Protein backbone atom coordinates (compact mmCIF):
# COMPACT_ATOMS: atom_id res chain seq x y z
CA UNK A 1 -0.02 0.38 0.13
CA UNK A 2 1.68 3.29 -1.36
CA UNK A 3 1.34 6.62 0.84
CA UNK A 4 -0.88 7.82 -1.67
CA UNK A 5 -3.25 4.98 -1.26
CA UNK A 6 -3.27 5.62 2.44
CA UNK A 7 -4.12 9.20 2.31
CA UNK A 8 -6.88 8.55 -0.08
CA UNK A 9 -8.05 6.29 2.19
CA UNK A 10 -7.96 8.24 5.52
CA UNK A 11 -9.46 11.32 3.28
CA UNK A 12 -12.42 9.01 2.81
CA UNK A 13 -12.57 8.94 6.15
CA UNK A 14 -13.02 12.42 6.81
CA UNK A 15 -16.25 12.74 5.45
CA UNK A 16 -17.22 10.09 7.84
CA UNK A 17 -16.78 12.30 10.66
CA UNK A 18 -19.34 13.92 12.60
CA UNK A 19 -19.36 16.72 15.41
CA UNK A 20 -19.57 15.52 19.37
CA UNK A 21 -22.11 17.21 21.62
CA UNK A 22 -19.41 17.45 24.15
CA UNK A 23 -21.03 21.23 25.22
CA UNK A 24 -24.53 20.53 24.91
CA UNK A 25 -25.28 19.79 28.53
CA UNK A 26 -23.73 23.46 29.89
CA UNK A 27 -25.55 26.77 29.36
CA UNK A 28 -22.76 28.69 31.17
CA UNK A 29 -21.79 30.94 28.32
CA UNK A 30 -24.39 33.62 27.70
CA UNK A 31 -25.78 34.54 24.42
CA UNK A 32 -23.86 37.57 24.32
CA UNK A 33 -20.79 35.84 25.05
CA UNK A 34 -21.06 33.47 22.40
CA UNK A 35 -22.49 36.70 19.89
CA UNK A 36 -19.05 38.52 21.20
CA UNK A 37 -16.94 35.33 20.28
CA UNK A 38 -18.77 34.96 16.63
CA UNK A 39 -18.21 38.74 15.65
CA UNK A 40 -14.52 38.65 17.43
CA UNK A 41 -13.71 35.46 14.43
CA UNK A 42 -16.27 36.23 12.18
CA UNK A 43 -14.83 39.93 11.32
CA UNK A 44 -11.78 37.78 9.52
CA UNK A 45 -11.99 37.58 5.76
CA UNK A 46 -11.34 34.14 5.46
CA UNK A 47 -11.61 30.88 6.82
CA UNK A 48 -7.33 30.53 7.50
CA UNK A 49 -8.12 33.73 9.47
CA UNK A 50 -10.71 32.84 11.36
CA UNK A 51 -9.28 29.40 12.43
CA UNK A 52 -5.90 30.93 13.34
CA UNK A 53 -7.39 33.26 15.19
CA UNK A 54 -9.83 30.96 17.22
CA UNK A 55 -6.50 28.89 17.92
CA UNK A 56 -4.71 31.98 19.36
CA UNK A 57 -7.38 33.09 21.66
CA UNK A 58 -7.19 29.73 23.27
CA UNK A 59 -3.44 29.82 23.72
CA UNK A 60 -3.10 33.30 24.50
CA UNK A 61 -6.13 32.97 26.99
CA UNK A 62 -5.32 30.10 28.56
CA UNK A 63 -1.91 28.43 30.04
CA UNK A 64 -0.59 24.55 30.40
CA UNK A 65 0.48 24.67 34.08
CA UNK A 66 0.02 22.86 36.91
CA UNK A 67 -2.20 23.14 39.20
CA UNK A 68 -4.96 22.54 36.46
CA UNK A 69 -8.30 24.35 37.06
CA UNK A 70 -10.33 22.15 39.04
CA UNK A 71 -13.46 22.94 36.44
CA UNK A 72 -11.22 22.29 33.53
CA UNK A 73 -13.42 20.21 32.27
CA UNK A 74 -16.31 22.69 31.61
CA UNK A 75 -15.66 24.14 28.59
CA UNK A 76 -18.16 26.97 28.64
CA UNK A 77 -16.79 27.91 31.97
CA UNK A 78 -13.11 27.68 30.68
CA UNK A 79 -14.26 30.05 27.59
CA UNK A 80 -15.75 32.73 29.86
CA UNK A 81 -12.75 33.14 32.00
CA UNK A 82 -10.66 33.63 28.72
CA UNK A 83 -13.22 36.18 27.31
CA UNK A 84 -13.04 37.87 30.63
CA UNK A 85 -8.76 38.13 30.32
CA UNK A 86 -9.10 38.95 26.76
CA UNK A 87 -11.38 42.00 27.42
CA UNK A 88 -10.13 42.88 30.86
CA UNK A 89 -5.99 41.66 30.81
CA UNK A 90 -6.52 40.04 34.06
CA UNK A 91 -3.88 37.72 33.75
CA UNK A 92 -6.50 35.19 35.22
CA UNK A 93 -6.42 32.88 32.13
CA UNK A 94 -7.29 29.10 33.10
CA UNK A 95 -5.13 26.58 33.52
CA UNK A 96 -5.51 23.41 31.02
CA UNK A 97 -4.51 20.19 29.16
CA UNK A 98 -3.72 20.22 25.98
CA UNK A 99 -6.86 17.93 25.46
CA UNK A 100 -8.47 20.62 26.78
CA UNK A 101 -7.23 23.69 25.16
CA UNK A 102 -8.34 21.44 21.71
CA UNK A 103 -11.92 20.75 23.22
CA UNK A 104 -12.17 24.69 23.96
CA UNK A 105 -11.16 25.69 20.72
CA UNK A 106 -13.68 23.20 18.89
CA UNK A 107 -16.02 24.44 20.34
CA UNK A 108 -15.70 27.92 19.28
CA UNK A 109 -15.22 26.70 15.66
CA UNK A 110 -18.36 25.21 16.15
CA UNK A 111 -20.21 28.33 17.14
CA UNK A 112 -18.76 29.87 13.70
CA UNK A 113 -19.48 26.73 11.92
CA UNK A 114 -16.31 25.43 11.03
CA UNK A 115 -15.81 21.56 11.31
CA UNK A 116 -12.91 19.71 13.26
CA UNK A 117 -12.32 16.68 15.13
CA UNK A 118 -10.23 15.95 18.22
CA UNK A 119 -6.60 13.63 16.96
CA UNK A 120 -4.69 12.39 19.78
CA UNK A 121 -1.12 11.38 18.65
CA UNK A 122 1.32 8.28 20.71
CA UNK A 123 4.25 7.68 21.66
CA UNK A 124 6.25 4.26 22.77
CA UNK A 125 9.09 5.91 24.13
CA UNK A 126 7.97 6.33 27.57
CA UNK A 127 7.06 4.16 30.26
CA UNK A 128 3.52 4.02 29.87
CA UNK A 129 1.17 5.06 26.71
CA UNK A 130 1.24 9.09 26.81
CA UNK A 131 -0.59 10.95 24.01
CA UNK A 132 -0.72 14.97 22.93
CA UNK A 133 -4.02 15.84 21.92
CA UNK A 134 -4.93 18.81 19.12
CA UNK A 135 -7.22 19.47 16.42
CA UNK A 136 -7.90 18.39 13.04
CA UNK A 137 -9.62 21.57 11.10
CA UNK A 138 -11.67 21.73 8.02
CA UNK A 139 -10.42 24.54 5.92
CA UNK A 140 -13.08 25.86 3.22
CA UNK A 141 -10.42 28.21 1.41
CA UNK A 142 -8.37 25.15 0.06
CA UNK A 143 -10.66 22.29 1.13
CA UNK A 144 -8.27 20.49 3.31
CA UNK A 145 -7.80 19.06 6.48
CA UNK A 146 -4.88 20.83 8.41
CA UNK A 147 -3.87 20.51 11.96
CA UNK A 148 -3.93 23.14 14.72
CA UNK A 149 -2.39 22.71 17.82
CA UNK A 150 -3.81 25.44 20.35
CA UNK A 151 -1.63 23.81 23.44
CA UNK A 152 1.77 24.51 21.56
CA UNK A 153 -0.23 27.04 18.97
CA UNK A 154 1.04 25.41 16.27
CA UNK A 155 0.39 24.26 12.59
CA UNK A 156 2.68 22.20 10.46
CA UNK A 157 3.43 23.28 6.90
CA UNK A 158 5.49 21.52 4.16
CA UNK A 159 8.48 22.91 2.06
CA UNK A 160 6.00 24.39 -0.57
CA UNK A 161 4.16 26.48 2.18
CA UNK A 162 1.39 24.17 2.41
CA UNK A 163 -0.26 23.08 5.50
CA UNK A 164 -0.28 19.51 6.61
CA UNK A 165 -2.78 17.09 7.58
CA UNK A 166 -2.20 14.80 10.54
CA UNK A 167 -1.26 11.68 8.39
CA UNK A 168 1.76 13.64 7.00
CA UNK A 169 3.19 14.23 10.34
CA UNK A 170 2.74 10.24 10.99
CA UNK A 171 4.23 9.09 7.35
CA UNK A 172 6.63 11.53 6.38
CA UNK A 173 10.33 12.45 7.18
CA UNK A 174 9.64 14.85 10.09
CA UNK A 175 13.06 16.94 8.53
CA UNK A 176 10.52 17.75 5.33
CA UNK A 177 7.89 19.41 7.78
CA UNK A 178 8.27 22.78 9.50
CA UNK A 179 6.04 24.00 12.54
CA UNK A 180 4.96 27.48 12.63
CA UNK A 181 4.04 29.18 15.81
CA UNK A 182 2.07 32.60 15.63
CA UNK A 183 0.43 33.78 18.73
CA UNK A 184 -0.59 36.86 16.65
CA UNK A 185 2.34 39.03 17.79
CA UNK A 186 5.37 36.82 16.42
CA UNK A 187 5.89 34.00 14.00
CA UNK A 188 9.04 31.50 14.66
CA UNK A 189 9.06 28.60 12.34
CA UNK A 190 11.67 25.26 12.87
CA UNK A 191 11.96 22.80 15.01
CA UNK A 192 13.59 24.10 18.57
CA UNK A 193 13.59 23.30 21.94
CA UNK A 194 9.81 24.11 23.20
CA UNK A 195 8.39 21.62 20.07
CA UNK A 196 10.94 19.16 19.57
CA UNK A 197 10.01 17.01 21.83
CA UNK A 198 6.78 16.26 19.43
CA UNK A 199 9.33 15.33 16.78
CA UNK A 200 11.37 13.41 18.76
CA UNK A 201 8.01 11.35 20.42
CA UNK A 202 4.96 11.87 19.49
CA UNK A 203 4.25 11.69 15.68
CA UNK A 204 4.12 7.70 15.42
CA UNK A 205 0.59 6.66 16.05
CA UNK A 206 -2.89 8.73 15.72
CA UNK A 207 -6.34 8.15 16.83
CA UNK A 208 -8.69 9.72 14.83
CA UNK A 209 -11.62 10.30 17.32
CA UNK A 210 -15.11 10.07 15.82
CA UNK A 211 -14.27 8.69 12.35
CA UNK A 212 -17.49 6.45 12.22
CA UNK A 213 -20.99 7.41 12.53
CA UNK A 214 -21.11 4.92 14.87
CA UNK A 215 -18.47 6.90 17.54
CA UNK A 216 -16.22 4.46 16.76
CA UNK A 217 -12.45 5.94 16.04
CA UNK A 218 -9.81 5.57 13.66
CA UNK A 219 -6.20 4.59 14.95
CA UNK A 220 -3.50 4.29 12.57
CA UNK A 221 -0.11 3.46 13.28
CA UNK A 222 3.61 3.73 11.54
CA UNK A 223 5.02 0.47 12.82
CA UNK A 224 8.75 2.08 11.08
CA UNK A 225 8.23 4.43 14.31
CA UNK A 226 5.82 2.57 17.18
CA UNK A 227 5.67 -0.63 18.27
CA UNK A 228 2.08 -1.93 19.37
CA UNK A 229 3.29 -5.15 20.64
CA UNK A 230 5.58 -3.66 23.41
CA UNK A 231 4.10 -4.59 26.63
CA UNK A 232 4.15 -1.54 29.41
CA UNK A 233 3.11 -1.42 33.21
CA UNK A 234 0.22 1.37 32.52
CA UNK A 235 -1.10 3.14 35.34
CA UNK A 236 -4.37 4.30 33.67
CA UNK A 237 -5.68 0.89 34.21
CA UNK A 238 -7.07 -0.35 37.53
CA UNK A 239 -5.15 -3.37 38.21
CA UNK A 240 -1.84 -1.37 36.54
CA UNK A 241 -1.19 -4.58 34.79
CA UNK A 242 1.83 -5.00 31.60
CA UNK A 243 -0.28 -4.72 28.18
CA UNK A 244 0.91 -3.80 24.90
CA UNK A 245 -0.71 -0.44 23.06
CA UNK A 246 -3.69 -2.63 21.07
CA UNK A 247 -4.63 -4.11 24.01
CA UNK A 248 -5.10 -0.49 26.45
CA UNK A 249 -6.57 1.07 23.33
CA UNK A 250 -9.23 -1.93 23.99
CA UNK A 251 -9.10 -1.53 27.67
CA UNK A 252 -9.18 2.35 28.05
CA UNK A 253 -11.18 3.16 24.85
CA UNK A 254 -14.00 0.12 24.33
CA UNK A 255 -15.45 1.47 27.92
CA UNK A 256 -15.65 4.99 26.93
CA UNK A 257 -16.55 5.67 23.08
CA UNK A 258 -16.16 2.02 21.78
CA UNK A 259 -13.49 0.08 20.25
CA UNK A 260 -11.22 1.69 17.69
CA UNK A 261 -11.06 0.21 14.33
CA UNK A 262 -7.24 -0.59 13.79
CA UNK A 263 -4.96 0.10 10.73
CA UNK A 264 -1.21 -0.90 11.06
CA UNK A 265 1.49 0.29 8.28
CA UNK A 266 4.70 -0.96 7.90
């Protein structure tokens, strides 16, 4: 199977994606706050600018720092705090993890009707199965999916200047990928001390959340970078037994989001 074939297969899965109702149970954001967010981002001329502005807003008005906010799973409350920090410059940014920042960005994208879904990339270089979470966002400007990471405030481009999809990070030589940091005030490109951990570890396997209409997810593993059969003692499991990555995914994700569909590629 060639890389082009893989890209076509993954591309076909994208059209099966649906947005999760992660935020339907909370009504903390008022109508005026939602209108504020819509006006803040819809003033931009195109989708590229809108998406970048949402990513920058979440990054600039929150931070990944312990102790994490006790209400961190309440995305609307976190966004409410972000709005306050943005308006009042209070330096009261909520403390959130990578996944929670991604969910906050996804909530705002939903408000302005831009499709996105959560992805997790994994490493087998640690003592347990660790992951990093960001978003795959559909950009109508070029009719393509692209990576947006509000935790590191990164997008990724190839050497031709095209924004890349998550499968490019898993299968392409990472020396041919250029990360771009842009917080709205300064731009930094290239692998450096702040993002090299991602290159060295995490772009080995990826979970595409909710890839199928029944809620199951698509897990793609590049076996040249990631050994799915290596056993580790993982502390997310109650009995802390040694399991390999496929067993771990089956145990952890079956109970929460249905068992993933696996694609292992050499």
